[in-house]
Structures are given as C-alpha cells and as structure tokens.
C-alpha cells in the first residue's frame, strides 16, 4: 500500500496514523515511558505499509511526542502538557500560574474590519458594523501555546489595538475602559489540523492537531465585550472545563 491520500477527506494516511497515536496518548491509552506497538503491529492496525508508519512516527518524534531508542523500540516521551482551566473567569496568566516559569503574550497586529454574521451575533451588534480585530500569540517558558484572534465592537473599543500594546494584557486594557472585571459567557471547543500559519507560529509539525476555543466574554451587566478564537497545540495543552 502506498502513502496515498485516504478516502476520508483527502487526509494522508501517515497523518491519520500520527493523529490516532496522539489521541491514544492524550486519552490515556499510552502513558509517558510506554513502548509503542511495533511498526509491523501498527502497519496491521492501520492497513498501511511500514514506510507510511515510519513517516507518522518521524512526525511525532519531531514534535517531541515519542522517541526511538535503537534496539528497544519507540517510547512515549514524558513531555509535560499544561492544563488550562476554562470557567466563568478565564485568564491566561491565572490559568497557567504555577505551571510555567515565565508567561508572555506577543501582539501580532490589529485592524478595523466589518463584522461577519457570526461575529455580530456573538457581540450583539448589527452585521457589517465595525469591529476591532486583535491578533496575538501567547507562550510559556518560550514555547508557543496559544494563537488568538479577538474581535471587539469598534463603537466601544475604537483604540483597543493601541492600548493593548501599551498595557500588554486584555484585563488591564479592559480596566482602562472602566471594565474592572469580566466573565466567560460561553465557550465552544473543537479540534482540527493546524493550518499553515498556525503550524509556523506555534512551531508545529505538519498535520499537528490544535484545540480551538470559541469564546464570548461579558461585562458585569452581561453585555458581550469580546469574541475570540484561540488555537492551542493539542500535544502541549489540555483544556479543563
């Protein structure tokens, strides 16, 4: 069997094998230090040839998920995954406190655009109304952990892009508008393959999985103030609801 695209959505077989092994690790079927089944056993499990299995294992090794030991086999590495709690009060720095020595957030850019129907619905504004779009990248101990895109109503936060550069955090920037605190109104979580930009910015291997959080935050009066899409590398992060 050649390394062809599968019939399921055109996804290469080696990529599906890598995804399945990742899920075995994330789901607890394989723990740190466990030896993976042999190439022959994996080839039989996925109806693939050994070359395809080797390619999948090479990708996982590049990500630091597994490591091959000559003469012994391939083992799950003890790479630490961080836990990010999602609740009524969700903050990047607070959620990862005590799990990393240093946390940082990089402002990648901002612009004004017109709200799509989904953004307008999340922010309770008319479709086509102006919104501020903020792009960011958050890291822990130098490892990229979150690629975020956030939208806010222009009529309320016209200069948010300029303020967040100076204040560095969303919490401080909201406070500058008189919003002393805010809470999570809703969160939707899904998973998919990282796109080209996410693969580069999050330092991932081709075919890596990202967890996608679609979130709306609201002020003390229950008015939506932000709508955000955050993408987390699945092999580095777990989202705890």
C-alpha atoms as a PDB file:
ATOM      1  CA  UNK A   1       0.000   0.000   0.000  1.00  0.00           C
ATOM      2  CA  UNK A   2       1.429   3.389  -0.979  1.00  0.00           C
ATOM      3  CA  UNK A   3       1.412   6.607   1.022  1.00  0.00           C
ATOM      4  CA  UNK A   4      -1.703   7.933  -0.686  1.00  0.00           C
ATOM      5  CA  UNK A   5      -4.495  10.247   0.311  1.00  0.00           C
ATOM      6  CA  UNK A   6      -7.199   8.380   2.174  1.00  0.00           C
ATOM      7  CA  UNK A   7     -10.762   8.360   1.029  1.00  0.00           C
ATOM      8  CA  UNK A   8     -11.712  10.208   4.207  1.00  0.00           C
ATOM      9  CA  UNK A   9     -11.479  13.883   3.353  1.00  0.00           C
ATOM     10  CA  UNK A  10      -8.241  13.517   1.373  1.00  0.00           C
ATOM     11  CA  UNK A  11      -6.117  13.202   4.532  1.00  0.00           C
ATOM     12  CA  UNK A  12      -2.817  11.388   4.014  1.00  0.00           C
ATOM     13  CA  UNK A  13      -2.702   8.011   5.745  1.00  0.00           C
ATOM     14  CA  UNK A  14       0.530   8.804   7.628  1.00  0.00           C
ATOM     15  CA  UNK A  15      -1.177  11.862   9.086  1.00  0.00           C
ATOM     16  CA  UNK A  16      -4.190   9.826  10.241  1.00  0.00           C
ATOM     17  CA  UNK A  17      -1.852   7.306  11.871  1.00  0.00           C
ATOM     18  CA  UNK A  18       0.002  10.102  13.707  1.00  0.00           C
ATOM     19  CA  UNK A  19      -3.324  11.590  14.837  1.00  0.00           C
ATOM     20  CA  UNK A  20      -4.547   8.234  16.142  1.00  0.00           C
ATOM     21  CA  UNK A  21      -1.357   7.693  18.165  1.00  0.00           C
ATOM     22  CA  UNK A  22      -1.610  11.236  19.565  1.00  0.00           C
ATOM     23  CA  UNK A  23      -5.181  10.502  20.638  1.00  0.00           C
ATOM     24  CA  UNK A  24      -4.068   7.255  22.307  1.00  0.00           C
ATOM     25  CA  UNK A  25      -1.578   9.302  24.350  1.00  0.00           C
ATOM     26  CA  UNK A  26      -3.948  12.173  25.115  1.00  0.00           C
ATOM     27  CA  UNK A  27      -6.717   9.733  26.022  1.00  0.00           C
ATOM     28  CA  UNK A  28      -4.535   7.802  28.456  1.00  0.00           C
ATOM     29  CA  UNK A  29      -4.194   4.563  26.490  1.00  0.00           C
ATOM     30  CA  UNK A  30      -0.460   5.230  26.363  1.00  0.00           C
ATOM     31  CA  UNK A  31       1.455   6.931  29.183  1.00  0.00           C
ATOM     32  CA  UNK A  32       4.895   8.505  29.396  1.00  0.00           C
ATOM     33  CA  UNK A  33       7.528   5.785  29.135  1.00  0.00           C
ATOM     34  CA  UNK A  34       5.240   3.248  27.460  1.00  0.00           C
ATOM     35  CA  UNK A  35       6.583   1.463  24.400  1.00  0.00           C
ATOM     36  CA  UNK A  36       4.515   1.818  21.246  1.00  0.00           C
ATOM     37  CA  UNK A  37       3.464  -1.284  19.327  1.00  0.00           C
ATOM     38  CA  UNK A  38       5.988  -2.434  16.729  1.00  0.00           C
ATOM     39  CA  UNK A  39       5.961  -0.986  13.211  1.00  0.00           C
ATOM     40  CA  UNK A  40       4.537  -4.278  11.987  1.00  0.00           C
ATOM     41  CA  UNK A  41       1.692  -4.139  14.528  1.00  0.00           C
ATOM     42  CA  UNK A  42       0.906  -0.524  13.650  1.00  0.00           C
ATOM     43  CA  UNK A  43       1.013  -1.331   9.944  1.00  0.00           C
ATOM     44  CA  UNK A  44      -1.505  -4.108  10.520  1.00  0.00           C
ATOM     45  CA  UNK A  45      -3.742  -1.890  12.679  1.00  0.00           C
ATOM     46  CA  UNK A  46      -3.955   0.831  10.039  1.00  0.00           C
ATOM     47  CA  UNK A  47      -3.719  -1.355   6.929  1.00  0.00           C
ATOM     48  CA  UNK A  48      -0.603   0.557   5.912  1.00  0.00           C
ATOM     49  CA  UNK A  49       2.900  -0.296   4.843  1.00  0.00           C
ATOM     50  CA  UNK A  50       5.813   0.162   7.222  1.00  0.00           C
ATOM     51  CA  UNK A  51       7.184   3.147   5.291  1.00  0.00           C
ATOM     52  CA  UNK A  52       3.941   5.024   5.997  1.00  0.00           C
ATOM     53  CA  UNK A  53       4.089   4.060   9.679  1.00  0.00           C
ATOM     54  CA  UNK A  54       7.715   5.261   9.883  1.00  0.00           C
ATOM     55  CA  UNK A  55       6.711   8.626   8.428  1.00  0.00           C
ATOM     56  CA  UNK A  56       3.968   9.025  11.056  1.00  0.00           C
ATOM     57  CA  UNK A  57       6.390   8.117  13.869  1.00  0.00           C
ATOM     58  CA  UNK A  58       9.007  10.532  12.488  1.00  0.00           C
ATOM     59  CA  UNK A  59       6.491  13.400  12.662  1.00  0.00           C
ATOM     60  CA  UNK A  60       5.613  12.512  16.260  1.00  0.00           C
ATOM     61  CA  UNK A  61       9.313  12.339  17.115  1.00  0.00           C
ATOM     62  CA  UNK A  62       9.869  15.796  15.608  1.00  0.00           C
ATOM     63  CA  UNK A  63       7.077  17.107  17.862  1.00  0.00           C
ATOM     64  CA  UNK A  64       8.688  15.515  20.904  1.00  0.00           C
ATOM     65  CA  UNK A  65       5.709  13.210  21.470  1.00  0.00           C
ATOM     66  CA  UNK A  66       7.703   9.971  21.052  1.00  0.00           C
ATOM     67  CA  UNK A  67      11.368   8.980  20.928  1.00  0.00           C
ATOM     68  CA  UNK A  68      13.002   5.996  19.215  1.00  0.00           C
ATOM     69  CA  UNK A  69      15.656   4.016  21.083  1.00  0.00           C
ATOM     70  CA  UNK A  70      17.825   1.818  18.898  1.00  0.00           C
ATOM     71  CA  UNK A  71      17.259  -1.846  19.566  1.00  0.00           C
ATOM     72  CA  UNK A  72      14.434  -1.201  22.028  1.00  0.00           C
ATOM     73  CA  UNK A  73      11.621   0.460  20.090  1.00  0.00           C
ATOM     74  CA  UNK A  74       9.705   3.736  20.173  1.00  0.00           C
ATOM     75  CA  UNK A  75       8.577   5.167  23.504  1.00  0.00           C
ATOM     76  CA  UNK A  76       6.159   7.862  24.637  1.00  0.00           C
ATOM     77  CA  UNK A  77       8.136  10.805  25.953  1.00  0.00           C
ATOM     78  CA  UNK A  78       7.318  12.446  29.244  1.00  0.00           C
ATOM     79  CA  UNK A  79       6.667  15.806  27.579  1.00  0.00           C
ATOM     80  CA  UNK A  80       4.608  17.812  30.046  1.00  0.00           C
ATOM     81  CA  UNK A  81       1.206  19.037  28.889  1.00  0.00           C
ATOM     82  CA  UNK A  82      -0.126  22.138  30.600  1.00  0.00           C
ATOM     83  CA  UNK A  83      -3.683  22.294  31.922  1.00  0.00           C
ATOM     84  CA  UNK A  84      -5.704  25.389  31.079  1.00  0.00           C
ATOM     85  CA  UNK A  85      -8.917  25.715  33.118  1.00  0.00           C
ATOM     86  CA  UNK A  86     -11.942  27.214  31.389  1.00  0.00           C
ATOM     87  CA  UNK A  87     -14.697  28.552  33.606  1.00  0.00           C
ATOM     88  CA  UNK A  88     -16.578  31.738  34.386  1.00  0.00           C
ATOM     89  CA  UNK A  89     -13.308  33.567  34.993  1.00  0.00           C
ATOM     90  CA  UNK A  90     -10.786  32.502  32.352  1.00  0.00           C
ATOM     91  CA  UNK A  91      -7.418  34.289  32.270  1.00  0.00           C
ATOM     92  CA  UNK A  92      -4.272  33.034  30.518  1.00  0.00           C
ATOM     93  CA  UNK A  93      -1.836  34.119  33.252  1.00  0.00           C
ATOM     94  CA  UNK A  94      -4.002  32.916  36.144  1.00  0.00           C
ATOM     95  CA  UNK A  95      -4.898  29.646  34.455  1.00  0.00           C
ATOM     96  CA  UNK A  96      -1.256  28.664  33.928  1.00  0.00           C
ATOM     97  CA  UNK A  97       0.080  30.085  37.206  1.00  0.00           C
ATOM     98  CA  UNK A  98       2.480  27.661  38.853  1.00  0.00           C
ATOM     99  CA  UNK A  99       2.799  25.531  35.697  1.00  0.00           C
ATOM    100  CA  UNK A 100       5.434  27.624  33.938  1.00  0.00           C
ATOM    101  CA  UNK A 101       8.348  29.805  34.990  1.00  0.00           C
ATOM    102  CA  UNK A 102       7.515  32.577  32.529  1.00  0.00           C
ATOM    103  CA  UNK A 103       4.466  33.622  30.528  1.00  0.00           C
ATOM    104  CA  UNK A 104       4.423  36.115  27.671  1.00  0.00           C
ATOM    105  CA  UNK A 105       1.998  37.488  25.106  1.00  0.00           C
ATOM    106  CA  UNK A 106       3.019  38.940  21.762  1.00  0.00           C
ATOM    107  CA  UNK A 107       0.822  41.434  19.898  1.00  0.00           C
ATOM    108  CA  UNK A 108       0.869  40.350  16.241  1.00  0.00           C
ATOM    109  CA  UNK A 109      -1.297  43.133  14.871  1.00  0.00           C
ATOM    110  CA  UNK A 110      -4.706  44.771  14.838  1.00  0.00           C
ATOM    111  CA  UNK A 111      -7.079  46.257  12.299  1.00  0.00           C
ATOM    112  CA  UNK A 112     -10.594  47.566  11.782  1.00  0.00           C
ATOM    113  CA  UNK A 113     -12.999  45.454   9.739  1.00  0.00           C
ATOM    114  CA  UNK A 114     -16.702  44.800   9.277  1.00  0.00           C
ATOM    115  CA  UNK A 115     -18.353  42.160  11.435  1.00  0.00           C
ATOM    116  CA  UNK A 116     -19.442  38.940   9.763  1.00  0.00           C
ATOM    117  CA  UNK A 117     -22.793  37.479  10.757  1.00  0.00           C
ATOM    118  CA  UNK A 118     -21.214  35.130  13.342  1.00  0.00           C
ATOM    119  CA  UNK A 119     -19.084  37.877  14.915  1.00  0.00           C
ATOM    120  CA  UNK A 120     -22.051  40.266  15.018  1.00  0.00           C
ATOM    121  CA  UNK A 121     -24.205  37.610  16.672  1.00  0.00           C
ATOM    122  CA  UNK A 122     -21.554  36.916  19.324  1.00  0.00           C
ATOM    123  CA  UNK A 123     -21.093  40.618  20.122  1.00  0.00           C
ATOM    124  CA  UNK A 124     -24.798  41.504  19.826  1.00  0.00           C
ATOM    125  CA  UNK A 125     -24.138  44.173  17.182  1.00  0.00           C
ATOM    126  CA  UNK A 126     -25.541  44.652  13.657  1.00  0.00           C
ATOM    127  CA  UNK A 127     -23.945  42.585  10.892  1.00  0.00           C
ATOM    128  CA  UNK A 128     -21.467  44.725   8.993  1.00  0.00           C
ATOM    129  CA  UNK A 129     -20.790  47.025  11.951  1.00  0.00           C
ATOM    130  CA  UNK A 130     -17.156  47.978  12.545  1.00  0.00           C
ATOM    131  CA  UNK A 131     -15.105  45.765  14.855  1.00  0.00           C
ATOM    132  CA  UNK A 132     -11.544  45.844  16.121  1.00  0.00           C
ATOM    133  CA  UNK A 133      -9.585  42.672  15.368  1.00  0.00           C
ATOM    134  CA  UNK A 134      -6.630  41.778  17.621  1.00  0.00           C
ATOM    135  CA  UNK A 135      -4.084  39.065  16.736  1.00  0.00           C
ATOM    136  CA  UNK A 136      -1.905  37.553  19.464  1.00  0.00           C
ATOM    137  CA  UNK A 137       0.484  34.758  20.370  1.00  0.00           C
ATOM    138  CA  UNK A 138       0.956  33.562  23.961  1.00  0.00           C
ATOM    139  CA  UNK A 139       3.879  31.458  25.192  1.00  0.00           C
ATOM    140  CA  UNK A 140       5.033  29.682  28.343  1.00  0.00           C
ATOM    141  CA  UNK A 141       8.727  29.154  29.023  1.00  0.00           C
ATOM    142  CA  UNK A 142       9.430  30.144  25.428  1.00  0.00           C
ATOM    143  CA  UNK A 143       7.037  27.560  23.934  1.00  0.00           C
ATOM    144  CA  UNK A 144       4.101  28.931  21.891  1.00  0.00           C
ATOM    145  CA  UNK A 145       0.847  27.786  23.499  1.00  0.00           C
ATOM    146  CA  UNK A 146      -1.943  29.878  22.022  1.00  0.00           C
ATOM    147  CA  UNK A 147      -2.642  31.687  18.754  1.00  0.00           C
ATOM    148  CA  UNK A 148      -5.594  34.017  19.308  1.00  0.00           C
ATOM    149  CA  UNK A 149      -7.853  36.244  17.221  1.00  0.00           C
ATOM    150  CA  UNK A 150     -10.195  38.539  19.165  1.00  0.00           C
ATOM    151  CA  UNK A 151     -12.953  40.860  17.959  1.00  0.00           C
ATOM    152  CA  UNK A 152     -14.442  43.811  19.884  1.00  0.00           C
ATOM    153  CA  UNK A 153     -17.103  46.361  18.962  1.00  0.00           C
ATOM    154  CA  UNK A 154     -15.457  49.452  17.452  1.00  0.00           C
ATOM    155  CA  UNK A 155     -18.047  51.824  18.920  1.00  0.00           C
ATOM    156  CA  UNK A 156     -16.888  50.856  22.434  1.00  0.00           C
ATOM    157  CA  UNK A 157     -13.229  49.923  21.905  1.00  0.00           C
ATOM    158  CA  UNK A 158     -12.075  52.034  18.948  1.00  0.00           C
ATOM    159  CA  UNK A 159      -8.452  52.354  20.135  1.00  0.00           C
ATOM    160  CA  UNK A 160      -8.137  48.935  21.820  1.00  0.00           C
ATOM    161  CA  UNK A 161      -5.292  47.980  19.480  1.00  0.00           C
ATOM    162  CA  UNK A 162      -3.193  50.915  20.608  1.00  0.00           C
ATOM    163  CA  UNK A 163      -3.981  50.466  24.288  1.00  0.00           C
ATOM    164  CA  UNK A 164      -3.177  46.745  24.445  1.00  0.00           C
ATOM    165  CA  UNK A 165       0.288  47.364  23.002  1.00  0.00           C
ATOM    166  CA  UNK A 166       0.985  49.650  25.953  1.00  0.00           C
ATOM    167  CA  UNK A 167      -0.797  47.599  28.637  1.00  0.00           C
ATOM    168  CA  UNK A 168       0.074  44.125  27.244  1.00  0.00           C
ATOM    169  CA  UNK A 169      -2.916  42.274  28.761  1.00  0.00           C
ATOM    170  CA  UNK A 170      -6.633  42.168  27.959  1.00  0.00           C
ATOM    171  CA  UNK A 171      -7.520  42.510  31.646  1.00  0.00           C
ATOM    172  CA  UNK A 172      -5.522  45.731  32.028  1.00  0.00           C
ATOM    173  CA  UNK A 173      -6.817  47.101  28.740  1.00  0.00           C
ATOM    174  CA  UNK A 174     -10.445  46.433  29.661  1.00  0.00           C
ATOM    175  CA  UNK A 175      -9.793  48.119  33.014  1.00  0.00           C
ATOM    176  CA  UNK A 176      -8.665  51.238  31.140  1.00  0.00           C
ATOM    177  CA  UNK A 177     -12.196  51.408  29.704  1.00  0.00           C
ATOM    178  CA  UNK A 178     -13.724  51.158  33.174  1.00  0.00           C
ATOM    179  CA  UNK A 179     -14.409  47.410  32.974  1.00  0.00           C
ATOM    180  CA  UNK A 180     -12.982  46.246  36.286  1.00  0.00           C
ATOM    181  CA  UNK A 181     -13.863  42.600  35.748  1.00  0.00           C
ATOM    182  CA  UNK A 182     -15.428  40.354  33.146  1.00  0.00           C
ATOM    183  CA  UNK A 183     -16.587  36.764  32.882  1.00  0.00           C
ATOM    184  CA  UNK A 184     -16.870  33.972  30.335  1.00  0.00           C
ATOM    185  CA  UNK A 185     -20.365  33.838  28.837  1.00  0.00           C
ATOM    186  CA  UNK A 186     -19.806  30.800  26.606  1.00  0.00           C
ATOM    187  CA  UNK A 187     -17.077  28.501  25.291  1.00  0.00           C
ATOM    188  CA  UNK A 188     -17.171  26.033  22.402  1.00  0.00           C
ATOM    189  CA  UNK A 189     -14.243  23.641  21.959  1.00  0.00           C
ATOM    190  CA  UNK A 190     -13.377  21.691  18.809  1.00  0.00           C
ATOM    191  CA  UNK A 191     -10.272  20.138  17.238  1.00  0.00           C
ATOM    192  CA  UNK A 192      -8.769  20.200  13.748  1.00  0.00           C
ATOM    193  CA  UNK A 193      -5.471  20.144  11.872  1.00  0.00           C
ATOM    194  CA  UNK A 194      -3.377  23.305  12.180  1.00  0.00           C
ATOM    195  CA  UNK A 195      -3.321  25.488   9.083  1.00  0.00           C
ATOM    196  CA  UNK A 196      -0.090  26.763   7.506  1.00  0.00           C
ATOM    197  CA  UNK A 197       0.095  29.957   9.585  1.00  0.00           C
ATOM    198  CA  UNK A 198      -0.677  28.158  12.868  1.00  0.00           C
ATOM    199  CA  UNK A 199       1.895  25.465  12.087  1.00  0.00           C
ATOM    200  CA  UNK A 200       4.567  28.141  11.656  1.00  0.00           C
ATOM    201  CA  UNK A 201       3.666  30.414  14.593  1.00  0.00           C
ATOM    202  CA  UNK A 202       3.049  27.574  17.055  1.00  0.00           C
ATOM    203  CA  UNK A 203       6.194  25.719  15.898  1.00  0.00           C
ATOM    204  CA  UNK A 204       4.286  22.548  14.985  1.00  0.00           C
ATOM    205  CA  UNK A 205       4.966  19.691  12.605  1.00  0.00           C
ATOM    206  CA  UNK A 206       2.796  19.251   9.534  1.00  0.00           C
ATOM    207  CA  UNK A 207      -0.509  17.614  10.405  1.00  0.00           C
ATOM    208  CA  UNK A 208      -0.462  18.566  14.092  1.00  0.00           C
ATOM    209  CA  UNK A 209      -3.792  18.937  15.882  1.00  0.00           C
ATOM    210  CA  UNK A 210      -4.943  22.185  17.504  1.00  0.00           C
ATOM    211  CA  UNK A 211      -7.728  22.593  20.047  1.00  0.00           C
ATOM    212  CA  UNK A 212      -9.949  25.523  19.080  1.00  0.00           C
ATOM    213  CA  UNK A 213     -11.733  27.554  21.740  1.00  0.00           C
ATOM    214  CA  UNK A 214     -14.532  29.845  20.530  1.00  0.00           C
ATOM    215  CA  UNK A 215     -15.341  32.148  23.439  1.00  0.00           C
ATOM    216  CA  UNK A 216     -17.505  35.143  24.344  1.00  0.00           C
ATOM    217  CA  UNK A 217     -16.688  37.282  27.379  1.00  0.00           C
ATOM    218  CA  UNK A 218     -19.175  39.658  29.006  1.00  0.00           C
ATOM    219  CA  UNK A 219     -19.040  42.562  31.458  1.00  0.00           C
ATOM    220  CA  UNK A 220     -20.690  42.680  34.898  1.00  0.00           C
ATOM    221  CA  UNK A 221     -24.010  43.701  33.329  1.00  0.00           C
ATOM    222  CA  UNK A 222     -23.992  40.705  30.979  1.00  0.00           C
ATOM    223  CA  UNK A 223     -23.130  42.642  27.797  1.00  0.00           C
ATOM    224  CA  UNK A 224     -20.750  40.885  25.374  1.00  0.00           C
ATOM    225  CA  UNK A 225     -17.402  42.661  25.163  1.00  0.00           C
ATOM    226  CA  UNK A 226     -15.239  40.244  23.149  1.00  0.00           C
ATOM    227  CA  UNK A 227     -15.436  37.260  20.838  1.00  0.00           C
ATOM    228  CA  UNK A 228     -12.264  35.181  20.490  1.00  0.00           C
ATOM    229  CA  UNK A 229     -10.929  32.164  18.625  1.00  0.00           C
ATOM    230  CA  UNK A 230      -7.904  30.630  20.367  1.00  0.00           C
ATOM    231  CA  UNK A 231      -5.900  27.726  18.951  1.00  0.00           C
ATOM    232  CA  UNK A 232      -3.854  25.519  21.311  1.00  0.00           C
ATOM    233  CA  UNK A 233      -1.376  22.740  20.310  1.00  0.00           C
ATOM    234  CA  UNK A 234      -3.035  19.527  21.483  1.00  0.00           C
ATOM    235  CA  UNK A 235       0.280  17.862  22.383  1.00  0.00           C
ATOM    236  CA  UNK A 236       1.203  20.743  24.727  1.00  0.00           C
ATOM    237  CA  UNK A 237      -2.114  21.751  26.232  1.00  0.00           C
ATOM    238  CA  UNK A 238      -5.275  20.291  27.711  1.00  0.00           C
ATOM    239  CA  UNK A 239      -8.387  22.384  28.242  1.00  0.00           C
ATOM    240  CA  UNK A 240     -10.178  21.623  31.501  1.00  0.00           C
ATOM    241  CA  UNK A 241     -13.810  22.734  31.678  1.00  0.00           C
END
